[in-house]
Structures are given as C-alpha cells and as structure tokens.
C-alpha cells in the first residue's frame, strides 16, 4: 500500500554539446542527463527517487506539481 503519490513535471533541454538535460519542477537541484531523451528520462527517474528519499528523511517538503501536458514521472511511495 502506498502512502503518497507524486506526479513530477520534467523539463528537458539540450546543451551546447548535444547532451540532454532533465530537470524536475518542485525538486530544486534534481537534474540528470543523457546522450538522448530516453537515457535522460531513465536517469531522471533514478534522480527523482533519490531526491524524494532524501527530502523525506530530512523532513523537507515535496511539492506536488501542477503540470500542463508536460512530461511526467509518477512515483508511488510505500508507508
């Protein structure tokens, strides 16, 4: 059973070297990169899970995002 569910909006951009960067609205500093969008998405999922775990342990807020047709990652957390 899950005690929380979050939908995180993910923004992507490509840097000058062609690397795709993913950032997460609502989790400041949560970023990941990849050589393509699929790799960046896989890496940001891991980063989101790590960021949320740390924020929960530290008692920091986790923003529940509002998003408008953006890329998202749904994370369900066990109690």
C-alpha atoms as a PDB file:
ATOM      1  CA  UNK A   1       0.000   0.000   0.000  1.00  0.00           C
ATOM      2  CA  UNK A   2       1.234   3.467  -0.857  1.00  0.00           C
ATOM      3  CA  UNK A   3       1.012   6.481   1.425  1.00  0.00           C
ATOM      4  CA  UNK A   4       1.839   9.092  -1.191  1.00  0.00           C
ATOM      5  CA  UNK A   5       1.738   9.559  -4.921  1.00  0.00           C
ATOM      6  CA  UNK A   6       3.505  12.299  -6.826  1.00  0.00           C
ATOM      7  CA  UNK A   7       3.473  13.382 -10.439  1.00  0.00           C
ATOM      8  CA  UNK A   8       6.660  15.253 -11.233  1.00  0.00           C
ATOM      9  CA  UNK A   9       6.858  17.513 -14.271  1.00  0.00           C
ATOM     10  CA  UNK A  10      10.125  17.088 -16.143  1.00  0.00           C
ATOM     11  CA  UNK A  11      11.670  19.736 -18.364  1.00  0.00           C
ATOM     12  CA  UNK A  12      14.279  18.837 -20.975  1.00  0.00           C
ATOM     13  CA  UNK A  13      16.806  20.886 -22.872  1.00  0.00           C
ATOM     14  CA  UNK A  14      19.823  20.095 -24.962  1.00  0.00           C
ATOM     15  CA  UNK A  15      23.132  21.705 -24.087  1.00  0.00           C
ATOM     16  CA  UNK A  16      25.747  23.022 -26.494  1.00  0.00           C
ATOM     17  CA  UNK A  17      27.445  19.599 -26.588  1.00  0.00           C
ATOM     18  CA  UNK A  18      24.240  17.807 -27.570  1.00  0.00           C
ATOM     19  CA  UNK A  19      23.640  16.244 -24.147  1.00  0.00           C
ATOM     20  CA  UNK A  20      20.027  16.157 -22.973  1.00  0.00           C
ATOM     21  CA  UNK A  21      19.461  17.643 -19.522  1.00  0.00           C
ATOM     22  CA  UNK A  22      16.368  16.838 -17.460  1.00  0.00           C
ATOM     23  CA  UNK A  23      15.225  18.976 -14.534  1.00  0.00           C
ATOM     24  CA  UNK A  24      12.284  18.493 -12.190  1.00  0.00           C
ATOM     25  CA  UNK A  25       9.841  21.180 -11.207  1.00  0.00           C
ATOM     26  CA  UNK A  26       9.222  21.059  -7.484  1.00  0.00           C
ATOM     27  CA  UNK A  27      12.547  19.385  -6.622  1.00  0.00           C
ATOM     28  CA  UNK A  28      15.210  22.089  -6.749  1.00  0.00           C
ATOM     29  CA  UNK A  29      18.580  20.712  -7.780  1.00  0.00           C
ATOM     30  CA  UNK A  30      17.160  17.442  -9.090  1.00  0.00           C
ATOM     31  CA  UNK A  31      18.746  17.031 -12.508  1.00  0.00           C
ATOM     32  CA  UNK A  32      20.054  14.270 -14.735  1.00  0.00           C
ATOM     33  CA  UNK A  33      21.457  13.963 -18.216  1.00  0.00           C
ATOM     34  CA  UNK A  34      21.753  11.516 -21.078  1.00  0.00           C
ATOM     35  CA  UNK A  35      23.028  11.205 -24.603  1.00  0.00           C
ATOM     36  CA  UNK A  36      19.397  11.014 -25.809  1.00  0.00           C
ATOM     37  CA  UNK A  37      15.950  11.734 -24.359  1.00  0.00           C
ATOM     38  CA  UNK A  38      15.318   8.114 -23.384  1.00  0.00           C
ATOM     39  CA  UNK A  39      18.559   7.953 -21.402  1.00  0.00           C
ATOM     40  CA  UNK A  40      17.881  11.310 -19.764  1.00  0.00           C
ATOM     41  CA  UNK A  41      14.405  10.077 -18.773  1.00  0.00           C
ATOM     42  CA  UNK A  42      15.746   6.875 -17.228  1.00  0.00           C
ATOM     43  CA  UNK A  43      18.390   8.833 -15.338  1.00  0.00           C
ATOM     44  CA  UNK A  44      15.946  11.453 -14.051  1.00  0.00           C
ATOM     45  CA  UNK A  45      13.653   8.733 -12.683  1.00  0.00           C
ATOM     46  CA  UNK A  46      16.524   7.499 -10.527  1.00  0.00           C
ATOM     47  CA  UNK A  47      17.381  11.069  -9.522  1.00  0.00           C
ATOM     48  CA  UNK A  48      13.762  11.788  -8.547  1.00  0.00           C
ATOM     49  CA  UNK A  49      13.602   8.711  -6.353  1.00  0.00           C
ATOM     50  CA  UNK A  50      16.869   9.678  -4.645  1.00  0.00           C
ATOM     51  CA  UNK A  51      15.837  13.316  -4.158  1.00  0.00           C
ATOM     52  CA  UNK A  52      12.470  12.335  -2.699  1.00  0.00           C
ATOM     53  CA  UNK A  53      14.077   9.806  -0.361  1.00  0.00           C
ATOM     54  CA  UNK A  54      16.486  12.441   0.984  1.00  0.00           C
ATOM     55  CA  UNK A  55      13.753  15.064   1.326  1.00  0.00           C
ATOM     56  CA  UNK A  56      11.556  12.623   3.269  1.00  0.00           C
ATOM     57  CA  UNK A  57      14.412  11.663   5.601  1.00  0.00           C
ATOM     58  CA  UNK A  58      15.276  15.328   6.201  1.00  0.00           C
ATOM     59  CA  UNK A  59      11.640  16.351   6.692  1.00  0.00           C
ATOM     60  CA  UNK A  60      11.761  18.724   3.728  1.00  0.00           C
ATOM     61  CA  UNK A  61       8.631  19.463   1.696  1.00  0.00           C
ATOM     62  CA  UNK A  62       7.920  17.636  -1.525  1.00  0.00           C
ATOM     63  CA  UNK A  63       5.938  19.751  -3.935  1.00  0.00           C
ATOM     64  CA  UNK A  64       3.008  18.151  -5.691  1.00  0.00           C
ATOM     65  CA  UNK A  65       3.312  19.662  -9.130  1.00  0.00           C
ATOM     66  CA  UNK A  66       0.721  21.014 -11.392  1.00  0.00           C
ATOM     67  CA  UNK A  67       1.594  20.431 -14.993  1.00  0.00           C
ATOM     68  CA  UNK A  68       0.045  21.162 -18.332  1.00  0.00           C
ATOM     69  CA  UNK A  69       0.678  18.342 -20.801  1.00  0.00           C
ATOM     70  CA  UNK A  70       4.322  18.065 -19.792  1.00  0.00           C
ATOM     71  CA  UNK A  71       6.476  15.008 -19.485  1.00  0.00           C
ATOM     72  CA  UNK A  72       5.829  13.443 -16.110  1.00  0.00           C
ATOM     73  CA  UNK A  73       7.035  10.670 -13.858  1.00  0.00           C
ATOM     74  CA  UNK A  74       4.611   9.138 -11.356  1.00  0.00           C
ATOM     75  CA  UNK A  75       6.219   7.980  -8.110  1.00  0.00           C
ATOM     76  CA  UNK A  76       4.276   5.977  -5.531  1.00  0.00           C
ATOM     77  CA  UNK A  77       5.850   5.700  -2.100  1.00  0.00           C
ATOM     78  CA  UNK A  78       5.255   2.965   0.432  1.00  0.00           C
ATOM     79  CA  UNK A  79       4.481   3.864   4.002  1.00  0.00           C
END
